[in-house]
Amino acid sequence: MTPLDFVPPRTQSEKITLLAGRAKIIQQSLLQPDGVQIGNEFIWLGSPERSEFVRRLSQLELAGEIAIPVAPQICHAALAAYEKAVEDLTEKFRAEVTTFTADENLQEKTVRELWKKMRG
């Protein structure tokens, strides 16, 4: 599950090449437009919402050619829906894990492992 799963079908998008690595959001200034920097590579995105969308994809270790929504409001809505889905699923995982152990550290570790399996 990624924020891309929450982008409506047939949304106007732009293809970017997302490099592997840590993405840093670069806010618009006199010298630079909004975008993200990964290593020495800068990806111009034109809005804080699109920049955050790409940063989150990078955090999920996605790389390669990816279609990013052109409209900032769609990026924002997709991220909000993704975050809500992650929160809901985490709560379901936690509820299930608590039926097996009362140890909170083990519960958290198990929830992290379930997320790794789901993303893998």
PDB file of N, CA and C in Angstrom:
ATOM      1  N   MET A   1       0.846  -1.168   0.000  1.00  0.00           N
ATOM      2  CA  MET A   1       0.000   0.000   0.000  1.00  0.00           C
ATOM      3  C   MET A   1       0.900   1.242   0.000  1.00  0.00           C
ATOM      4  N   THR A   2       0.621   2.140  -0.921  1.00  0.00           N
ATOM      5  CA  THR A   2       1.356   3.404  -1.022  1.00  0.00           C
ATOM      6  C   THR A   2       0.355   4.531  -1.302  1.00  0.00           C
ATOM      7  N   PRO A   3       0.771   5.781  -1.202  1.00  0.00           N
ATOM      8  CA  PRO A   3      -0.127   6.881  -1.554  1.00  0.00           C
ATOM      9  C   PRO A   3      -0.639   6.800  -3.001  1.00  0.00           C
ATOM     10  N   LEU A   4       0.114   6.155  -3.873  1.00  0.00           N
ATOM     11  CA  LEU A   4      -0.328   5.999  -5.262  1.00  0.00           C
ATOM     12  C   LEU A   4      -1.627   5.208  -5.361  1.00  0.00           C
ATOM     13  N   ASP A   5      -1.862   4.319  -4.401  1.00  0.00           N
ATOM     14  CA  ASP A   5      -3.092   3.523  -4.397  1.00  0.00           C
ATOM     15  C   ASP A   5      -4.330   4.374  -4.139  1.00  0.00           C
ATOM     16  N   PHE A   6      -4.152   5.591  -3.661  1.00  0.00           N
ATOM     17  CA  PHE A   6      -5.270   6.461  -3.314  1.00  0.00           C
ATOM     18  C   PHE A   6      -5.465   7.603  -4.316  1.00  0.00           C
ATOM     19  N   VAL A   7      -4.772   7.525  -5.430  1.00  0.00           N
ATOM     20  CA  VAL A   7      -4.951   8.493  -6.517  1.00  0.00           C
ATOM     21  C   VAL A   7      -6.100   7.991  -7.393  1.00  0.00           C
ATOM     22  N   PRO A   8      -7.100   8.841  -7.632  1.00  0.00           N
ATOM     23  CA  PRO A   8      -8.239   8.402  -8.454  1.00  0.00           C
ATOM     24  C   PRO A   8      -7.795   7.967  -9.858  1.00  0.00           C
ATOM     25  N   PRO A   9      -8.515   6.992 -10.423  1.00  0.00           N
ATOM     26  CA  PRO A   9      -8.186   6.549 -11.788  1.00  0.00           C
ATOM     27  C   PRO A   9      -8.310   7.714 -12.779  1.00  0.00           C
ATOM     28  N   ARG A  10      -7.543   7.639 -13.810  1.00  0.00           N
ATOM     29  CA  ARG A  10      -7.550   8.617 -14.905  1.00  0.00           C
ATOM     30  C   ARG A  10      -7.209  10.040 -14.448  1.00  0.00           C
ATOM     31  N   THR A  11      -6.454  10.143 -13.365  1.00  0.00           N
ATOM     32  CA  THR A  11      -5.975  11.442 -12.894  1.00  0.00           C
ATOM     33  C   THR A  11      -4.843  11.897 -13.802  1.00  0.00           C
ATOM     34  N   GLN A  12      -4.869  13.171 -14.193  1.00  0.00           N
ATOM     35  CA  GLN A  12      -3.784  13.707 -15.011  1.00  0.00           C
ATOM     36  C   GLN A  12      -2.499  13.627 -14.197  1.00  0.00           C
ATOM     37  N   SER A  13      -1.478  13.038 -14.797  1.00  0.00           N
ATOM     38  CA  SER A  13      -0.232  12.857 -14.060  1.00  0.00           C
ATOM     39  C   SER A  13       0.975  13.205 -14.921  1.00  0.00           C
ATOM     40  N   GLU A  14       2.095  13.282 -14.228  1.00  0.00           N
ATOM     41  CA  GLU A  14       3.374  13.566 -14.866  1.00  0.00           C
ATOM     42  C   GLU A  14       4.330  12.459 -14.421  1.00  0.00           C
ATOM     43  N   LYS A  15       5.066  11.906 -15.361  1.00  0.00           N
ATOM     44  CA  LYS A  15       6.029  10.865 -15.003  1.00  0.00           C
ATOM     45  C   LYS A  15       7.341  11.493 -14.572  1.00  0.00           C
ATOM     46  N   ILE A  16       7.825  11.002 -13.435  1.00  0.00           N
ATOM     47  CA  ILE A  16       9.134  11.439 -12.943  1.00  0.00           C
ATOM     48  C   ILE A  16       9.978  10.195 -12.714  1.00  0.00           C
ATOM     49  N   THR A  17      11.269  10.386 -12.683  1.00  0.00           N
ATOM     50  CA  THR A  17      12.173   9.300 -12.332  1.00  0.00           C
ATOM     51  C   THR A  17      12.605   9.536 -10.892  1.00  0.00           C
ATOM     52  N   LEU A  18      12.138   8.650 -10.023  1.00  0.00           N
ATOM     53  CA  LEU A  18      12.449   8.758  -8.607  1.00  0.00           C
ATOM     54  C   LEU A  18      13.647   7.879  -8.304  1.00  0.00           C
ATOM     55  N   LEU A  19      14.712   8.515  -7.858  1.00  0.00           N
ATOM     56  CA  LEU A  19      15.931   7.792  -7.522  1.00  0.00           C
ATOM     57  C   LEU A  19      15.818   7.180  -6.133  1.00  0.00           C
ATOM     58  N   ALA A  20      16.551   6.111  -5.909  1.00  0.00           N
ATOM     59  CA  ALA A  20      16.617   5.528  -4.574  1.00  0.00           C
ATOM     60  C   ALA A  20      17.410   6.469  -3.685  1.00  0.00           C
ATOM     61  N   GLY A  21      17.001   6.577  -2.443  1.00  0.00           N
ATOM     62  CA  GLY A  21      17.707   7.443  -1.510  1.00  0.00           C
ATOM     63  C   GLY A  21      16.737   8.304  -0.739  1.00  0.00           C
ATOM     64  N   ARG A  22      17.285   9.088   0.154  1.00  0.00           N
ATOM     65  CA  ARG A  22      16.479   9.949   1.019  1.00  0.00           C
ATOM     66  C   ARG A  22      16.131  11.240   0.295  1.00  0.00           C
ATOM     67  N   ALA A  23      14.842  11.526   0.212  1.00  0.00           N
ATOM     68  CA  ALA A  23      14.380  12.743  -0.452  1.00  0.00           C
ATOM     69  C   ALA A  23      14.248  13.868   0.567  1.00  0.00           C
ATOM     70  N   LYS A  24      14.771  15.025   0.219  1.00  0.00           N
ATOM     71  CA  LYS A  24      14.676  16.208   1.068  1.00  0.00           C
ATOM     72  C   LYS A  24      13.823  17.242   0.332  1.00  0.00           C
ATOM     73  N   ILE A  25      12.803  17.746   1.023  1.00  0.00           N
ATOM     74  CA  ILE A  25      11.944  18.762   0.415  1.00  0.00           C
ATOM     75  C   ILE A  25      12.699  20.091   0.357  1.00  0.00           C
ATOM     76  N   ILE A  26      12.677  20.702  -0.819  1.00  0.00           N
ATOM     77  CA  ILE A  26      13.274  22.019  -1.026  1.00  0.00           C
ATOM     78  C   ILE A  26      12.115  22.976  -1.309  1.00  0.00           C
ATOM     79  N   GLN A  27      11.930  23.946  -0.406  1.00  0.00           N
ATOM     80  CA  GLN A  27      10.849  24.906  -0.589  1.00  0.00           C
ATOM     81  C   GLN A  27      11.261  25.997  -1.567  1.00  0.00           C
ATOM     82  N   GLN A  28      10.253  26.545  -2.207  1.00  0.00           N
ATOM     83  CA  GLN A  28      10.492  27.589  -3.197  1.00  0.00           C
ATOM     84  C   GLN A  28      11.241  28.761  -2.576  1.00  0.00           C
ATOM     85  N   SER A  29      12.201  29.259  -3.330  1.00  0.00           N
ATOM     86  CA  SER A  29      12.948  30.457  -2.942  1.00  0.00           C
ATOM     87  C   SER A  29      13.211  31.252  -4.214  1.00  0.00           C
ATOM     88  N   LEU A  30      13.969  32.300  -4.099  1.00  0.00           N
ATOM     89  CA  LEU A  30      14.303  33.086  -5.289  1.00  0.00           C
ATOM     90  C   LEU A  30      15.136  32.277  -6.277  1.00  0.00           C
ATOM     91  N   LEU A  31      15.896  31.332  -5.752  1.00  0.00           N
ATOM     92  CA  LEU A  31      16.802  30.562  -6.602  1.00  0.00           C
ATOM     93  C   LEU A  31      16.292  29.181  -6.986  1.00  0.00           C
ATOM     94  N   GLN A  32      15.252  28.706  -6.333  1.00  0.00           N
ATOM     95  CA  GLN A  32      14.846  27.326  -6.532  1.00  0.00           C
ATOM     96  C   GLN A  32      13.321  27.190  -6.420  1.00  0.00           C
ATOM     97  N   PRO A  33      12.693  26.399  -7.313  1.00  0.00           N
ATOM     98  CA  PRO A  33      11.262  26.133  -7.187  1.00  0.00           C
ATOM     99  C   PRO A  33      11.020  25.008  -6.160  1.00  0.00           C
ATOM    100  N   ASP A  34       9.749  24.785  -5.813  1.00  0.00           N
ATOM    101  CA  ASP A  34       9.405  23.664  -4.933  1.00  0.00           C
ATOM    102  C   ASP A  34       9.797  22.353  -5.584  1.00  0.00           C
ATOM    103  N   GLY A  35      10.327  21.449  -4.774  1.00  0.00           N
ATOM    104  CA  GLY A  35      10.687  20.132  -5.285  1.00  0.00           C
ATOM    105  C   GLY A  35      11.369  19.305  -4.218  1.00  0.00           C
ATOM    106  N   VAL A  36      11.971  18.212  -4.640  1.00  0.00           N
ATOM    107  CA  VAL A  36      12.724  17.364  -3.719  1.00  0.00           C
ATOM    108  C   VAL A  36      14.118  17.141  -4.277  1.00  0.00           C
ATOM    109  N   GLN A  37      15.048  16.959  -3.359  1.00  0.00           N
ATOM    110  CA  GLN A  37      16.417  16.658  -3.753  1.00  0.00           C
ATOM    111  C   GLN A  37      16.766  15.294  -3.199  1.00  0.00           C
ATOM    112  N   ILE A  38      17.311  14.450  -4.077  1.00  0.00           N
ATOM    113  CA  ILE A  38      17.794  13.130  -3.688  1.00  0.00           C
ATOM    114  C   ILE A  38      19.240  13.068  -4.157  1.00  0.00           C
ATOM    115  N   GLY A  39      20.146  13.063  -3.187  1.00  0.00           N
ATOM    116  CA  GLY A  39      21.557  13.142  -3.537  1.00  0.00           C
ATOM    117  C   GLY A  39      21.823  14.468  -4.233  1.00  0.00           C
ATOM    118  N   ASN A  40      22.423  14.418  -5.414  1.00  0.00           N
ATOM    119  CA  ASN A  40      22.692  15.632  -6.192  1.00  0.00           C
ATOM    120  C   ASN A  40      21.577  15.944  -7.185  1.00  0.00           C
ATOM    121  N   GLU A  41      20.577  15.101  -7.251  1.00  0.00           N
ATOM    122  CA  GLU A  41      19.492  15.245  -8.226  1.00  0.00           C
ATOM    123  C   GLU A  41      18.331  16.045  -7.639  1.00  0.00           C
ATOM    124  N   PHE A  42      17.850  17.059  -8.377  1.00  0.00           N
ATOM    125  CA  PHE A  42      16.694  17.851  -7.956  1.00  0.00           C
ATOM    126  C   PHE A  42      15.527  17.529  -8.877  1.00  0.00           C
ATOM    127  N   ILE A  43      14.362  17.265  -8.281  1.00  0.00           N
ATOM    128  CA  ILE A  43      13.139  17.029  -9.061  1.00  0.00           C
ATOM    129  C   ILE A  43      12.219  18.213  -8.820  1.00  0.00           C
ATOM    130  N   TRP A  44      11.966  18.986  -9.864  1.00  0.00           N
ATOM    131  CA  TRP A  44      11.085  20.136  -9.778  1.00  0.00           C
ATOM    132  C   TRP A  44       9.652  19.625  -9.740  1.00  0.00           C
ATOM    133  N   LEU A  45       8.874  20.070  -8.730  1.00  0.00           N
ATOM    134  CA  LEU A  45       7.497  19.606  -8.596  1.00  0.00           C
ATOM    135  C   LEU A  45       6.482  20.739  -8.563  1.00  0.00           C
ATOM    136  N   GLY A  46       6.910  21.943  -8.229  1.00  0.00           N
ATOM    137  CA  GLY A  46       6.041  23.106  -8.353  1.00  0.00           C
ATOM    138  C   GLY A  46       5.089  23.382  -7.204  1.00  0.00           C
ATOM    139  N   SER A  47       4.990  22.489  -6.210  1.00  0.00           N
ATOM    140  CA  SER A  47       4.111  22.766  -5.068  1.00  0.00           C
ATOM    141  C   SER A  47       4.568  21.962  -3.858  1.00  0.00           C
ATOM    142  N   PRO A  48       4.278  22.480  -2.671  1.00  0.00           N
ATOM    143  CA  PRO A  48       4.634  21.740  -1.452  1.00  0.00           C
ATOM    144  C   PRO A  48       3.899  20.397  -1.352  1.00  0.00           C
ATOM    145  N   GLU A  49       2.651  20.357  -1.820  1.00  0.00           N
ATOM    146  CA  GLU A  49       1.860  19.119  -1.752  1.00  0.00           C
ATOM    147  C   GLU A  49       2.463  18.016  -2.623  1.00  0.00           C
ATOM    148  N   ARG A  50       2.859  18.370  -3.819  1.00  0.00           N
ATOM    149  CA  ARG A  50       3.472  17.379  -4.710  1.00  0.00           C
ATOM    150  C   ARG A  50       4.836  16.951  -4.163  1.00  0.00           C
ATOM    151  N   SER A  51       5.563  17.907  -3.571  1.00  0.00           N
ATOM    152  CA  SER A  51       6.866  17.582  -2.988  1.00  0.00           C
ATOM    153  C   SER A  51       6.710  16.590  -1.835  1.00  0.00           C
ATOM    154  N   GLU A  52       5.740  16.820  -0.972  1.00  0.00           N
ATOM    155  CA  GLU A  52       5.493  15.908   0.151  1.00  0.00           C
ATOM    156  C   GLU A  52       5.064  14.531  -0.363  1.00  0.00           C
ATOM    157  N   PHE A  53       4.257  14.495  -1.398  1.00  0.00           N
ATOM    158  CA  PHE A  53       3.810  13.235  -1.998  1.00  0.00           C
ATOM    159  C   PHE A  53       5.022  12.415  -2.456  1.00  0.00           C
ATOM    160  N   VAL A  54       5.928  13.059  -3.157  1.00  0.00           N
ATOM    161  CA  VAL A  54       7.125  12.374  -3.666  1.00  0.00           C
ATOM    162  C   VAL A  54       8.047  11.965  -2.519  1.00  0.00           C
ATOM    163  N   ARG A  55       8.176  12.822  -1.507  1.00  0.00           N
ATOM    164  CA  ARG A  55       9.005  12.478  -0.354  1.00  0.00           C
ATOM    165  C   ARG A  55       8.476  11.220   0.333  1.00  0.00           C
ATOM    166  N   ARG A  56       7.161  11.113   0.452  1.00  0.00           N
ATOM    167  CA  ARG A  56       6.577   9.939   1.097  1.00  0.00           C
ATOM    168  C   ARG A  56       6.812   8.687   0.263  1.00  0.00           C
ATOM    169  N   LEU A  57       6.731   8.802  -1.052  1.00  0.00           N
ATOM    170  CA  LEU A  57       7.029   7.651  -1.918  1.00  0.00           C
ATOM    171  C   LEU A  57       8.478   7.220  -1.727  1.00  0.00           C
ATOM    172  N   SER A  58       9.368   8.186  -1.609  1.00  0.00           N
ATOM    173  CA  SER A  58      10.782   7.895  -1.394  1.00  0.00           C
ATOM    174  C   SER A  58      10.988   7.202  -0.047  1.00  0.00           C
ATOM    175  N   GLN A  59      10.281   7.660   0.989  1.00  0.00           N
ATOM    176  CA  GLN A  59      10.382   7.027   2.304  1.00  0.00           C
ATOM    177  C   GLN A  59       9.947   5.563   2.257  1.00  0.00           C
ATOM    178  N   LEU A  60       9.023   5.260   1.354  1.00  0.00           N
ATOM    179  CA  LEU A  60       8.551   3.883   1.204  1.00  0.00           C
ATOM    180  C   LEU A  60       9.465   3.067   0.289  1.00  0.00           C
ATOM    181  N   GLU A  61      10.593   3.674  -0.077  1.00  0.00           N
ATOM    182  CA  GLU A  61      11.632   3.039  -0.888  1.00  0.00           C
ATOM    183  C   GLU A  61      11.164   2.697  -2.306  1.00  0.00           C
ATOM    184  N   LEU A  62      10.255   3.524  -2.834  1.00  0.00           N
ATOM    185  CA  LEU A  62       9.866   3.368  -4.233  1.00  0.00           C
ATOM    186  C   LEU A  62      10.904   4.091  -5.081  1.00  0.00           C
ATOM    187  N   ALA A  63      11.188   3.549  -6.218  1.00  0.00           N
ATOM    188  CA  ALA A  63      12.147   4.171  -7.126  1.00  0.00           C
ATOM    189  C   ALA A  63      11.777   3.779  -8.549  1.00  0.00           C
ATOM    190  N   GLY A  64      12.285   4.545  -9.495  1.00  0.00           N
ATOM    191  CA  GLY A  64      12.016   4.277 -10.897  1.00  0.00           C
ATOM    192  C   GLY A  64      11.075   5.317 -11.468  1.00  0.00           C
ATOM    193  N   GLU A  65      10.506   5.007 -12.620  1.00  0.00           N
ATOM    194  CA  GLU A  65       9.586   5.930 -13.278  1.00  0.00           C
ATOM    195  C   GLU A  65       8.216   5.803 -12.619  1.00  0.00           C
ATOM    196  N   ILE A  66       7.711   6.925 -12.102  1.00  0.00           N
ATOM    197  CA  ILE A  66       6.456   6.928 -11.355  1.00  0.00           C
ATOM    198  C   ILE A  66       5.591   8.078 -11.852  1.00  0.00           C
ATOM    199  N   ALA A  67       4.291   7.815 -12.003  1.00  0.00           N
ATOM    200  CA  ALA A  67       3.341   8.840 -12.419  1.00  0.00           C
ATOM    201  C   ALA A  67       2.832   9.578 -11.179  1.00  0.00           C
ATOM    202  N   ILE A  68       3.069  10.869 -11.120  1.00  0.00           N
ATOM    203  CA  ILE A  68       2.687  11.722  -9.995  1.00  0.00           C
ATOM    204  C   ILE A  68       1.536  12.625 -10.444  1.00  0.00           C
ATOM    205  N   PRO A  69       0.471  12.738  -9.639  1.00  0.00           N
ATOM    206  CA  PRO A  69      -0.622  13.644 -10.017  1.00  0.00           C
ATOM    207  C   PRO A  69      -0.117  15.065 -10.246  1.00  0.00           C
ATOM    208  N   VAL A  70      -0.680  15.713 -11.253  1.00  0.00           N
ATOM    209  CA  VAL A  70      -0.303  17.090 -11.568  1.00  0.00           C
ATOM    210  C   VAL A  70      -0.943  18.053 -10.564  1.00  0.00           C
ATOM    211  N   ALA A  71      -2.173  17.774 -10.161  1.00  0.00           N
ATOM    212  CA  ALA A  71      -2.907  18.671  -9.262  1.00  0.00           C
ATOM    213  C   ALA A  71      -2.457  18.491  -7.814  1.00  0.00           C
ATOM    214  N   PRO A  72      -1.991  19.565  -7.177  1.00  0.00           N
ATOM    215  CA  PRO A  72      -1.549  19.473  -5.784  1.00  0.00           C
ATOM    216  C   PRO A  72      -2.641  18.972  -4.839  1.00  0.00           C
ATOM    217  N   GLN A  73      -3.895  19.359  -5.087  1.00  0.00           N
ATOM    218  CA  GLN A  73      -4.982  18.945  -4.199  1.00  0.00           C
ATOM    219  C   GLN A  73      -5.216  17.436  -4.255  1.00  0.00           C
ATOM    220  N   ILE A  74      -4.941  16.820  -5.385  1.00  0.00           N
ATOM    221  CA  ILE A  74      -5.071  15.359  -5.479  1.00  0.00           C
ATOM    222  C   ILE A  74      -3.954  14.690  -4.690  1.00  0.00           C
ATOM    223  N   CYS A  75      -2.750  15.246  -4.759  1.00  0.00           N
ATOM    224  CA  CYS A  75      -1.638  14.717  -3.947  1.00  0.00           C
ATOM    225  C   CYS A  75      -1.976  14.811  -2.467  1.00  0.00           C
ATOM    226  N   HIS A  76      -2.506  15.965  -2.065  1.00  0.00           N
ATOM    227  CA  HIS A  76      -2.864  16.172  -0.661  1.00  0.00           C
ATOM    228  C   HIS A  76      -3.950  15.178  -0.224  1.00  0.00           C
ATOM    229  N   ALA A  77      -4.991  15.015  -1.032  1.00  0.00           N
ATOM    230  CA  ALA A  77      -6.089  14.105  -0.692  1.00  0.00           C
ATOM    231  C   ALA A  77      -5.615  12.652  -0.653  1.00  0.00           C
ATOM    232  N   ALA A  78      -4.769  12.277  -1.599  1.00  0.00           N
ATOM    233  CA  ALA A  78      -4.252  10.903  -1.636  1.00  0.00           C
ATOM    234  C   ALA A  78      -3.389  10.622  -0.403  1.00  0.00           C
ATOM    235  N   LEU A  79      -2.572  11.578   0.001  1.00  0.00           N
ATOM    236  CA  LEU A  79      -1.748  11.410   1.201  1.00  0.00           C
ATOM    237  C   LEU A  79      -2.613  11.301   2.454  1.00  0.00           C
ATOM    238  N   ALA A  80      -3.649  12.129   2.537  1.00  0.00           N
ATOM    239  CA  ALA A  80      -4.544  12.078   3.703  1.00  0.00           C
ATOM    240  C   ALA A  80      -5.255  10.729   3.769  1.00  0.00           C
ATOM    241  N   ALA A  81      -5.726  10.235   2.634  1.00  0.00           N
ATOM    242  CA  ALA A  81      -6.405   8.931   2.602  1.00  0.00           C
ATOM    243  C   ALA A  81      -5.434   7.803   2.939  1.00  0.00           C
ATOM    244  N   TYR A  82      -4.213   7.901   2.439  1.00  0.00           N
ATOM    245  CA  TYR A  82      -3.183   6.900   2.742  1.00  0.00           C
ATOM    246  C   TYR A  82      -2.883   6.880   4.238  1.00  0.00           C
ATOM    247  N   GLU A  83      -2.670   8.059   4.832  1.00  0.00           N
ATOM    248  CA  GLU A  83      -2.359   8.135   6.256  1.00  0.00           C
ATOM    249  C   GLU A  83      -3.496   7.574   7.104  1.00  0.00           C
ATOM    250  N   LYS A  84      -4.736   7.834   6.714  1.00  0.00           N
ATOM    251  CA  LYS A  84      -5.895   7.293   7.444  1.00  0.00           C
ATOM    252  C   LYS A  84      -5.928   5.774   7.316  1.00  0.00           C
ATOM    253  N   ALA A  85      -5.673   5.253   6.142  1.00  0.00           N
ATOM    254  CA  ALA A  85      -5.664   3.803   5.933  1.00  0.00           C
ATOM    255  C   ALA A  85      -4.555   3.142   6.747  1.00  0.00           C
ATOM    256  N   VAL A  86      -3.379   3.777   6.796  1.00  0.00           N
ATOM    257  CA  VAL A  86      -2.271   3.243   7.589  1.00  0.00           C
ATOM    258  C   VAL A  86      -2.647   3.229   9.064  1.00  0.00           C
ATOM    259  N   GLU A  87      -3.241   4.317   9.524  1.00  0.00           N
ATOM    260  CA  GLU A  87      -3.662   4.400  10.925  1.00  0.00           C
ATOM    261  C   GLU A  87      -4.694   3.317  11.254  1.00  0.00           C
ATOM    262  N   ASP A  88      -5.690   3.153  10.382  1.00  0.00           N
ATOM    263  CA  ASP A  88      -6.730   2.145  10.601  1.00  0.00           C
ATOM    264  C   ASP A  88      -6.151   0.739  10.613  1.00  0.00           C
ATOM    265  N   LEU A  89      -5.275   0.454   9.669  1.00  0.00           N
ATOM    266  CA  LEU A  89      -4.689  -0.879   9.591  1.00  0.00           C
ATOM    267  C   LEU A  89      -3.763  -1.151  10.771  1.00  0.00           C
ATOM    268  N   THR A  90      -3.032  -0.131  11.205  1.00  0.00           N
ATOM    269  CA  THR A  90      -2.170  -0.285  12.375  1.00  0.00           C
ATOM    270  C   THR A  90      -3.005  -0.625  13.604  1.00  0.00           C
ATOM    271  N   GLU A  91      -4.146   0.033  13.748  1.00  0.00           N
ATOM    272  CA  GLU A  91      -5.032  -0.261  14.880  1.00  0.00           C
ATOM    273  C   GLU A  91      -5.580  -1.689  14.804  1.00  0.00           C
ATOM    274  N   LYS A  92      -5.896  -2.150  13.603  1.00  0.00           N
ATOM    275  CA  LYS A  92      -6.358  -3.539  13.433  1.00  0.00           C
ATOM    276  C   LYS A  92      -5.249  -4.515  13.800  1.00  0.00           C
ATOM    277  N   PHE A  93      -4.037  -4.225  13.343  1.00  0.00           N
ATOM    278  CA  PHE A  93      -2.897  -5.073  13.706  1.00  0.00           C
ATOM    279  C   PHE A  93      -2.730  -5.108  15.221  1.00  0.00           C
ATOM    280  N   ARG A  94      -2.754  -3.927  15.824  1.00  0.00           N
ATOM    281  CA  ARG A  94      -2.547  -3.828  17.266  1.00  0.00           C
ATOM    282  C   ARG A  94      -3.636  -4.592  18.029  1.00  0.00           C
ATOM    283  N   ALA A  95      -4.885  -4.458  17.603  1.00  0.00           N
ATOM    284  CA  ALA A  95      -5.989  -5.161  18.258  1.00  0.00           C
ATOM    285  C   ALA A  95      -5.795  -6.670  18.173  1.00  0.00           C
ATOM    286  N   GLU A  96      -5.356  -7.131  17.014  1.00  0.00           N
ATOM    287  CA  GLU A  96      -5.133  -8.574  16.838  1.00  0.00           C
ATOM    288  C   GLU A  96      -3.961  -9.053  17.690  1.00  0.00           C
ATOM    289  N   VAL A  97      -2.895  -8.283  17.729  1.00  0.00           N
ATOM    290  CA  VAL A  97      -1.696  -8.664  18.474  1.00  0.00           C
ATOM    291  C   VAL A  97      -1.981  -8.721  19.978  1.00  0.00           C
ATOM    292  N   THR A  98      -2.823  -7.810  20.469  1.00  0.00           N
ATOM    293  CA  THR A  98      -3.112  -7.799  21.912  1.00  0.00           C
ATOM    294  C   THR A  98      -3.841  -9.056  22.362  1.00  0.00           C
ATOM    295  N   THR A  99      -4.436  -9.791  21.441  1.00  0.00           N
ATOM    296  CA  THR A  99      -5.078 -11.048  21.826  1.00  0.00           C
ATOM    297  C   THR A  99      -4.051 -12.152  22.079  1.00  0.00           C
ATOM    298  N   PHE A 100      -2.810 -11.932  21.649  1.00  0.00           N
ATOM    299  CA  PHE A 100      -1.758 -12.932  21.811  1.00  0.00           C
ATOM    300  C   PHE A 100      -0.766 -12.608  22.918  1.00  0.00           C
ATOM    301  N   THR A 101      -0.566 -11.303  23.219  1.00  0.00           N
ATOM    302  CA  THR A 101       0.406 -10.936  24.254  1.00  0.00           C
ATOM    303  C   THR A 101       0.011  -9.615  24.912  1.00  0.00           C
ATOM    304  N   ALA A 102       0.321  -9.500  26.190  1.00  0.00           N
ATOM    305  CA  ALA A 102       0.079  -8.256  26.924  1.00  0.00           C
ATOM    306  C   ALA A 102       1.338  -7.392  26.970  1.00  0.00           C
ATOM    307  N   ASP A 103       2.456  -7.935  26.532  1.00  0.00           N
ATOM    308  CA  ASP A 103       3.737  -7.227  26.544  1.00  0.00           C
ATOM    309  C   ASP A 103       3.717  -6.142  25.458  1.00  0.00           C
ATOM    310  N   GLU A 104       3.721  -4.867  25.885  1.00  0.00           N
ATOM    311  CA  GLU A 104       3.611  -3.755  24.929  1.00  0.00           C
ATOM    312  C   GLU A 104       4.792  -3.678  23.966  1.00  0.00           C
ATOM    313  N   ASN A 105       5.993  -3.980  24.440  1.00  0.00           N
ATOM    314  CA  ASN A 105       7.159  -3.970  23.554  1.00  0.00           C
ATOM    315  C   ASN A 105       7.024  -5.028  22.467  1.00  0.00           C
ATOM    316  N   LEU A 106       6.573  -6.198  22.852  1.00  0.00           N
ATOM    317  CA  LEU A 106       6.372  -7.270  21.873  1.00  0.00           C
ATOM    318  C   LEU A 106       5.245  -6.916  20.904  1.00  0.00           C
ATOM    319  N   GLN A 107       4.218  -6.257  21.409  1.00  0.00           N
ATOM    320  CA  GLN A 107       3.119  -5.822  20.546  1.00  0.00           C
ATOM    321  C   GLN A 107       3.629  -4.874  19.465  1.00  0.00           C
ATOM    322  N   GLU A 108       4.408  -3.857  19.872  1.00  0.00           N
ATOM    323  CA  GLU A 108       4.932  -2.886  18.912  1.00  0.00           C
ATOM    324  C   GLU A 108       5.858  -3.544  17.893  1.00  0.00           C
ATOM    325  N   LYS A 109       6.705  -4.433  18.378  1.00  0.00           N
ATOM    326  CA  LYS A 109       7.620  -5.148  17.484  1.00  0.00           C
ATOM    327  C   LYS A 109       6.837  -5.987  16.479  1.00  0.00           C
ATOM    328  N   THR A 110       5.795  -6.645  16.951  1.00  0.00           N
ATOM    329  CA  THR A 110       4.983  -7.485  16.067  1.00  0.00           C
ATOM    330  C   THR A 110       4.248  -6.640  15.032  1.00  0.00           C
ATOM    331  N   VAL A 111       3.725  -5.496  15.440  1.00  0.00           N
ATOM    332  CA  VAL A 111       3.044  -4.593  14.492  1.00  0.00           C
ATOM    333  C   VAL A 111       4.030  -4.133  13.421  1.00  0.00           C
ATOM    334  N   ARG A 112       5.265  -3.781  13.811  1.00  0.00           N
ATOM    335  CA  ARG A 112       6.294  -3.376  12.824  1.00  0.00           C
ATOM    336  C   ARG A 112       6.585  -4.519  11.852  1.00  0.00           C
ATOM    337  N   GLU A 113       6.676  -5.730  12.373  1.00  0.00           N
ATOM    338  CA  GLU A 113       6.942  -6.899  11.518  1.00  0.00           C
ATOM    339  C   GLU A 113       5.788  -7.156  10.555  1.00  0.00           C
ATOM    340  N   LEU A 114       4.566  -6.962  11.018  1.00  0.00           N
ATOM    341  CA  LEU A 114       3.402  -7.131  10.129  1.00  0.00           C
ATOM    342  C   LEU A 114       3.447  -6.117   8.991  1.00  0.00           C
ATOM    343  N   TRP A 115       3.856  -4.878   9.298  1.00  0.00           N
ATOM    344  CA  TRP A 115       3.982  -3.862   8.245  1.00  0.00           C
ATOM    345  C   TRP A 115       5.083  -4.244   7.247  1.00  0.00           C
ATOM    346  N   LYS A 116       6.182  -4.771   7.765  1.00  0.00           N
ATOM    347  CA  LYS A 116       7.272  -5.201   6.854  1.00  0.00           C
ATOM    348  C   LYS A 116       6.773  -6.291   5.908  1.00  0.00           C
ATOM    349  N   LYS A 117       6.025  -7.245   6.459  1.00  0.00           N
ATOM    350  CA  LYS A 117       5.491  -8.323   5.605  1.00  0.00           C
ATOM    351  C   LYS A 117       4.516  -7.766   4.571  1.00  0.00           C
ATOM    352  N   MET A 118       3.698  -6.837   4.992  1.00  0.00           N
ATOM    353  CA  MET A 118       2.710  -6.273   4.075  1.00  0.00           C
ATOM    354  C   MET A 118       3.380  -5.503   2.935  1.00  0.00           C
ATOM    355  N   ARG A 119       4.449  -4.787   3.244  1.00  0.00           N
ATOM    356  CA  ARG A 119       5.142  -4.001   2.218  1.00  0.00           C
ATOM    357  C   ARG A 119       6.059  -4.843   1.366  1.00  0.00           C
ATOM    358  N   GLY A 120       6.465  -5.986   1.905  1.00  0.00           N
ATOM    359  CA  GLY A 120       7.407  -6.858   1.201  1.00  0.00           C
ATOM    360  C   GLY A 120       6.741  -7.652   0.164  1.00  0.00           C
TER     361      GLY A 120
END
